[in-house]
Amino acid sequence: MHDDSHEHDKGLEHDLKALARMTERRQLLRWMAGAALLPLVGCGDTGGGSSECATIPEETAGPYPGDGSNGANALVLSGIVRKDIRSSIAGSTGTAEGVPLTVKLTLVNGNDSCSPLAGYALYLWHCDRDGKYSMYNLTSQNYLRGVQETDSEGTVTFTTIFPGCYSGRMPHIHFEVYPSLAKATSSGNKVKTSQLALPVDVCNAAYATTGYSASVTHLSRISFAQDNVFSDGTSLQLASVTGNASEGYVATLTVGITA
């Protein structure tokens, strides 16, 4: 039999200290067991384990939004809710030519572990391969503008063309977020405005095709560091792009907002 008599008769202070150490160990073991059951949350590389994910930066809608805030309002056009935005609608005719591009945006809640936001509306627009915007530079056209409602996964998909690069800006795509399709009729109802950036190597490959010669020149004179929108970083706005110039590209981006 083990003789532990040397641990006896050391007084009340010794006993209390021993009890405290035992209690601390039990509490630590309970905490470790509970932590092992916690789900990993977060969004992309936004802090691993955070209960929130980063929200995409607020950006200017630019001079050609077509949302009623600066003249023209594409949001009230018949047929504006559509997936394929390459052709004009509502009595206007014309189709934007260029390298095929599919844009897939997934809207998530930055206040709820990146949970998908279903039932929101995204209005997306961009310039054509000549760097011109419909309804402004091209007043007889309204192509390359459209609205989609997010599905149960928070996702919208647009079929369009690869945008050109015009003087002073890196290639980009504009979008606004609305709380619902019913609210997506006026800029006064939007909850977020931002822009999507495209990788330089992909732009160079797209611009090597027919019709983008002006973009080659403009892109050679600008960089993300010089761009008045993206100069502060593109980590939350740079799309992931797959595909090629001959068959078309797919650009995907997760868009975090505070909901």
Foldseek 3Di string as FASTA:
>chain_A
DDDPCVVPPPDDVSVVVVVVVVVVVVVVVVVVVVVVPDDWFEDDVQPIRDQFYDFADFDDCPQANLQPPRPHNPLPAPPQADAEQQFFDRPFGDGFDFQKEKEKEFEAARNGRRQGQFAKKKKKAAAGLVRDAECPSNVRGHGRIHMYTQHNRRMGMHIYHQHAADAQAAGKMKMFIANHSVQSRHPVRTDGIDIAHEDPVQNVQRCVDPPNVNRVVRNVVDDLCRHPRRVVHCPQRYWDWDDGRVNHIYTYHYGYDHD
